[in-house]
Amino acid sequence: MLPGKTIERIRVLHSDVLRQPSRDFSARLKGRDFEAVHRRGKNIVARLSGGGVLVVNLGMSGRLVLVRDEAQTTHPAVRFTLSAGPPLVYDDVRRFGALEVMDESEWAVRDHRLGPEPLSSSFTARGLHADLSRSVSPIRSWLLDQRRVAGIGNIYANEALHLAGIHPQRPAKSLSEHEARRLHRAIRRTLSSAVDNRGTTLRDYRDSSGIPGNNASKLLVYGRDQEPCSHCSTRIHRFVFGNRAAFCCPNCQPVGVSSSNG
């Protein structure tokens, strides 16, 4: 939908979503054509004519919308007037996202720092176990580190660990090869389900059409503190570490003990 269109004008409504000065951001975009758009981790990456790259990190509630009706957006932050069709708007209720323009070499450095895509062929169970074996970090924290695996957020880390029967605070290196294989399958299953259901809306998230995601009803542990586990009926436990909420079933995910759940 975007390739072939030219960015004719940029209007920055809220500069706090930019990682560079508004004037520099606009100057590096004006007159550029969109050549290709893809996703890398939690980023939307738009390659532009002349070697430019527009990188959009959506944060918790950001989205890019081709606005045919102003009612499609509620918190516009950046508006791009295009050579054809409706304007492209970066809309973000909480403004935790970020936009940045860089050249190909700058993006290559950033891209190299990210881990493998969890739904790609480069993300293997064997490689996962090898990487885990070198870290003493709690496994939930390890999964959230974008340098380890790209694109996994807190909701899906908790869900995958529950499916795999692994406690979120287990040291990464304590996982056996069998557990790593189980976690690998759980990560792929969790993310594939979320994609099929258009994401998880707990409060603010909307897709590019303005429609809430359907995945919240599929969550097994996240946000279900004190509700019964769907596997064993034990009450789900919520606790905080690493400044993030974690959720698990104490029976299916015992601390330091392998479980057959998932």
Protein backbone atom coordinates (compact mmCIF):
# COMPACT_ATOMS: atom_id res chain seq x y z
CA MET A 1 0.00 0.00 0.00
CA LEU A 2 2.90 2.37 0.67
CA PRO A 3 5.61 1.35 -1.85
CA GLY A 4 5.76 3.77 -4.76
CA LYS A 5 4.25 6.68 -2.86
CA THR A 6 6.22 9.85 -2.12
CA ILE A 7 6.29 11.66 1.23
CA GLU A 8 5.34 15.21 0.30
CA ARG A 9 4.92 16.78 3.73
CA ILE A 10 5.44 15.87 7.37
CA ARG A 11 3.58 17.44 10.26
CA VAL A 12 4.89 16.60 13.74
CA LEU A 13 2.11 17.05 16.29
CA HIS A 14 3.97 15.56 19.26
CA SER A 15 7.76 15.64 19.01
CA ASP A 16 8.21 13.40 22.07
CA VAL A 17 7.73 10.36 19.83
CA LEU A 18 10.80 11.30 17.75
CA ARG A 19 14.34 10.15 18.48
CA GLN A 20 15.80 13.14 16.64
CA PRO A 21 14.92 16.84 16.25
CA SER A 22 11.69 17.46 14.33
CA ARG A 23 13.47 19.56 11.68
CA ASP A 24 16.05 16.85 10.99
CA PHE A 25 13.37 14.14 10.97
CA SER A 26 11.26 16.01 8.42
CA ALA A 27 14.21 17.02 6.23
CA ARG A 28 15.37 13.40 5.93
CA LEU A 29 11.91 12.26 4.84
CA LYS A 30 10.50 14.95 2.55
CA GLY A 31 10.56 13.95 -1.10
CA ARG A 32 11.54 10.34 -0.39
CA ASP A 33 9.64 7.42 -1.93
CA PHE A 34 8.58 4.34 0.02
CA GLU A 35 10.31 1.34 -1.55
CA ALA A 36 9.54 -1.52 0.86
CA VAL A 37 8.03 -2.07 4.30
CA HIS A 38 8.67 -4.96 6.66
CA ARG A 39 8.81 -5.81 10.37
CA ARG A 40 11.90 -6.46 12.46
CA GLY A 41 11.30 -7.35 16.10
CA LYS A 42 9.02 -4.67 17.54
CA ASN A 43 9.84 -2.26 14.71
CA ILE A 44 8.18 -1.42 11.41
CA VAL A 45 10.99 -0.73 8.94
CA ALA A 46 10.25 1.33 5.83
CA ARG A 47 13.02 1.56 3.25
CA LEU A 48 13.07 4.81 1.31
CA SER A 49 14.59 6.04 -1.92
CA GLY A 50 18.10 7.40 -1.56
CA GLY A 51 19.06 4.83 1.07
CA GLY A 52 16.96 6.19 3.93
CA VAL A 53 15.22 3.98 6.49
CA LEU A 54 12.22 5.04 8.59
CA VAL A 55 12.09 2.92 11.76
CA VAL A 56 8.88 2.97 13.79
CA ASN A 57 8.79 1.29 17.20
CA LEU A 58 5.11 1.02 18.09
CA GLY A 59 5.62 0.82 21.84
CA MET A 60 2.51 -0.40 23.66
CA SER A 61 -0.25 1.38 21.75
CA GLY A 62 1.21 2.92 18.59
CA ARG A 63 -0.04 2.19 15.07
CA LEU A 64 0.38 3.45 11.52
CA VAL A 65 -2.92 4.25 9.80
CA LEU A 66 -3.84 5.33 6.29
CA VAL A 67 -6.52 7.82 7.34
CA ARG A 68 -9.58 7.92 5.11
CA ASP A 69 -11.72 9.25 7.96
CA GLU A 70 -10.38 11.46 10.78
CA ALA A 71 -12.40 9.35 13.24
CA GLN A 72 -9.88 6.53 12.58
CA THR A 73 -7.34 8.25 14.84
CA THR A 74 -7.70 9.49 18.41
CA HIS A 75 -4.15 10.52 19.34
CA PRO A 76 -2.25 11.44 16.15
CA ALA A 77 1.42 12.26 16.72
CA VAL A 78 2.93 12.46 13.22
CA ARG A 79 1.10 13.00 9.92
CA PHE A 80 2.62 12.19 6.52
CA THR A 81 1.02 13.67 3.40
CA LEU A 82 1.60 11.28 0.49
CA SER A 83 1.65 11.77 -3.28
CA ALA A 84 -1.43 9.58 -3.70
CA GLY A 85 -4.18 8.31 -1.48
CA PRO A 86 -4.98 9.20 2.14
CA PRO A 87 -2.36 10.54 4.57
CA LEU A 88 -0.35 8.16 6.74
CA VAL A 89 -0.66 8.90 10.46
CA TYR A 90 1.31 7.60 13.42
CA ASP A 91 -1.36 7.36 16.15
CA ASP A 92 -0.36 6.57 19.75
CA VAL A 93 -2.59 6.85 22.82
CA ARG A 94 0.22 6.51 25.35
CA ARG A 95 3.08 7.82 23.18
CA PHE A 96 5.52 5.14 24.30
CA GLY A 97 6.50 4.49 20.68
CA ALA A 98 9.32 6.13 18.75
CA LEU A 99 10.10 7.15 15.16
CA GLU A 100 13.56 7.69 13.70
CA VAL A 101 15.09 8.17 10.26
CA MET A 102 18.53 6.70 9.62
CA ASP A 103 20.66 5.63 6.71
CA GLU A 104 21.23 2.00 5.68
CA SER A 105 24.51 1.66 7.59
CA GLU A 106 22.95 3.00 10.81
CA TRP A 107 20.03 0.60 10.46
CA ALA A 108 22.40 -2.30 9.74
CA VAL A 109 24.13 -1.68 13.09
CA ARG A 110 20.76 -1.54 14.91
CA ASP A 111 19.49 -4.64 13.09
CA HIS A 112 22.64 -6.58 13.98
CA ARG A 113 22.00 -5.96 17.68
CA LEU A 114 18.62 -7.69 17.53
CA GLY A 115 18.20 -11.39 18.10
CA PRO A 116 16.58 -13.84 15.67
CA GLU A 117 12.92 -13.58 14.69
CA PRO A 118 11.09 -16.22 16.76
CA LEU A 119 8.89 -17.35 13.85
CA SER A 120 11.80 -17.59 11.41
CA SER A 121 13.87 -20.63 10.44
CA SER A 122 16.93 -19.04 12.07
CA PHE A 123 15.32 -19.46 15.51
CA THR A 124 15.94 -23.10 16.41
CA ALA A 125 15.48 -25.12 19.58
CA ARG A 126 19.13 -26.13 19.53
CA GLY A 127 20.28 -22.53 19.17
CA LEU A 128 17.90 -21.43 21.91
CA HIS A 129 19.29 -23.99 24.35
CA ALA A 130 22.87 -23.00 23.51
CA ASP A 131 22.09 -19.33 24.12
CA LEU A 132 20.20 -20.03 27.35
CA SER A 133 23.09 -22.08 28.70
CA ARG A 134 25.30 -18.98 28.74
CA SER A 135 23.04 -16.80 30.90
CA VAL A 136 22.08 -16.69 34.59
CA SER A 137 19.26 -14.16 33.94
CA PRO A 138 15.72 -15.18 34.92
CA ILE A 139 14.18 -16.77 31.84
CA ARG A 140 11.35 -14.20 31.60
CA SER A 141 13.92 -11.36 31.63
CA TRP A 142 16.01 -13.24 29.07
CA LEU A 143 13.05 -13.51 26.71
CA LEU A 144 12.31 -9.78 26.99
CA ASP A 145 15.87 -8.85 25.98
CA GLN A 146 15.56 -7.97 22.29
CA ARG A 147 19.23 -8.83 21.80
CA ARG A 148 18.38 -12.46 22.61
CA VAL A 149 15.14 -12.89 20.66
CA ALA A 150 13.46 -10.10 18.71
CA GLY A 151 9.83 -9.19 19.22
CA ILE A 152 8.73 -10.96 22.41
CA GLY A 153 6.93 -8.73 24.92
CA ASN A 154 5.90 -9.35 28.51
CA ILE A 155 2.46 -10.77 27.72
CA TYR A 156 3.76 -13.38 25.31
CA ALA A 157 6.80 -14.26 27.43
CA ASN A 158 4.49 -15.11 30.34
CA GLU A 159 2.13 -17.07 28.10
CA ALA A 160 4.91 -19.09 26.45
CA LEU A 161 6.50 -19.95 29.78
CA HIS A 162 3.16 -21.21 31.07
CA LEU A 163 2.67 -23.40 28.00
CA ALA A 164 6.18 -24.76 28.49
CA GLY A 165 5.66 -25.37 32.24
CA ILE A 166 8.62 -23.17 33.21
CA HIS A 167 8.65 -20.70 36.11
CA PRO A 168 9.44 -17.11 35.00
CA GLN A 169 12.25 -16.77 37.56
CA ARG A 170 14.14 -19.91 36.60
CA PRO A 171 17.73 -19.04 35.62
CA ALA A 172 18.03 -19.33 31.85
CA LYS A 173 20.98 -21.72 32.09
CA SER A 174 19.00 -24.10 34.32
CA LEU A 175 16.73 -25.16 31.46
CA SER A 176 17.47 -28.61 30.10
CA GLU A 177 17.65 -29.33 26.38
CA HIS A 178 14.18 -30.89 26.61
CA GLU A 179 12.78 -27.80 28.35
CA ALA A 180 14.38 -25.53 25.74
CA ARG A 181 12.67 -27.52 22.97
CA ARG A 182 9.38 -27.22 24.83
CA LEU A 183 9.86 -23.47 25.26
CA HIS A 184 10.76 -23.10 21.59
CA ARG A 185 7.48 -24.75 20.59
CA ALA A 186 5.54 -22.67 23.14
CA ILE A 187 6.99 -19.38 21.86
CA ARG A 188 6.04 -20.19 18.27
CA ARG A 189 2.57 -21.37 19.27
CA THR A 190 1.93 -18.28 21.43
CA LEU A 191 3.05 -15.80 18.79
CA SER A 192 1.29 -17.57 15.92
CA SER A 193 -1.96 -17.49 17.89
CA ALA A 194 -1.53 -13.78 18.65
CA VAL A 195 -0.94 -13.01 14.96
CA ASP A 196 -4.01 -15.03 13.94
CA ASN A 197 -6.07 -13.11 16.51
CA ARG A 198 -4.72 -9.68 15.43
CA GLY A 199 -2.91 -8.97 18.71
CA THR A 200 -3.89 -8.54 22.33
CA THR A 201 -6.01 -5.59 23.44
CA LEU A 202 -6.06 -5.10 27.21
CA ARG A 203 -6.70 -1.34 27.20
CA ASP A 204 -5.43 0.82 24.33
CA TYR A 205 -4.16 -1.37 21.51
CA ARG A 206 -5.93 -1.17 18.14
CA ASP A 207 -4.82 -2.56 14.80
CA SER A 208 -4.31 -0.38 11.71
CA SER A 209 -8.06 -0.50 11.04
CA GLY A 210 -8.87 0.76 14.52
CA ILE A 211 -10.23 -2.62 15.64
CA PRO A 212 -9.22 -4.17 19.01
CA GLY A 213 -7.27 -7.44 18.85
CA ASN A 214 -9.06 -10.67 19.78
CA ASN A 215 -6.22 -12.44 21.60
CA ALA A 216 -7.00 -11.27 25.16
CA SER A 217 -9.66 -13.96 25.57
CA LYS A 218 -7.05 -16.60 24.69
CA LEU A 219 -4.58 -15.64 27.44
CA LEU A 220 -3.95 -18.45 29.93
CA VAL A 221 -2.12 -16.58 32.72
CA TYR A 222 -1.39 -12.95 31.89
CA GLY A 223 -3.80 -10.62 33.71
CA ARG A 224 -5.56 -13.57 35.37
CA ASP A 225 -4.31 -13.18 38.94
CA GLN A 226 -6.27 -15.44 41.34
CA GLU A 227 -8.29 -17.03 38.53
CA PRO A 228 -8.11 -20.83 38.16
CA CYS A 229 -5.48 -22.32 35.87
CA SER A 230 -7.15 -23.85 32.81
CA HIS A 231 -4.88 -26.89 33.15
CA CYS A 232 -5.10 -27.76 36.87
CA SER A 233 -7.47 -25.19 38.49
CA THR A 234 -4.76 -23.84 40.83
CA ARG A 235 -5.10 -20.07 41.24
CA ILE A 236 -2.83 -18.02 38.99
CA HIS A 237 -0.19 -16.07 40.93
CA ARG A 238 0.93 -12.52 40.07
CA PHE A 239 4.25 -11.12 41.26
CA VAL A 240 6.70 -8.44 40.17
CA PHE A 241 10.39 -8.66 39.32
CA GLY A 242 12.55 -6.68 36.94
CA ASN A 243 9.93 -3.92 37.28
CA ARG A 244 7.44 -6.01 35.28
CA ALA A 245 4.46 -8.08 36.36
CA ALA A 246 4.78 -11.83 35.97
CA PHE A 247 2.02 -14.44 36.02
CA CYS A 248 2.28 -18.18 36.51
CA CYS A 249 0.54 -21.25 37.85
CA PRO A 250 2.43 -22.42 40.98
CA ASN A 251 1.46 -26.02 40.25
CA CYS A 252 2.21 -26.18 36.51
CA GLN A 253 5.29 -23.95 36.78
CA PRO A 254 7.06 -24.86 40.04
CA VAL A 255 10.26 -23.02 40.89
CA GLY A 256 13.33 -25.00 39.91
CA VAL A 257 11.39 -28.11 38.89
CA SER A 258 10.57 -29.39 35.45
CA SER A 259 6.87 -29.73 34.63
CA SER A 260 5.16 -31.70 31.87
CA ASN A 261 2.60 -28.96 31.12
CA GLY A 262 2.47 -27.80 27.48
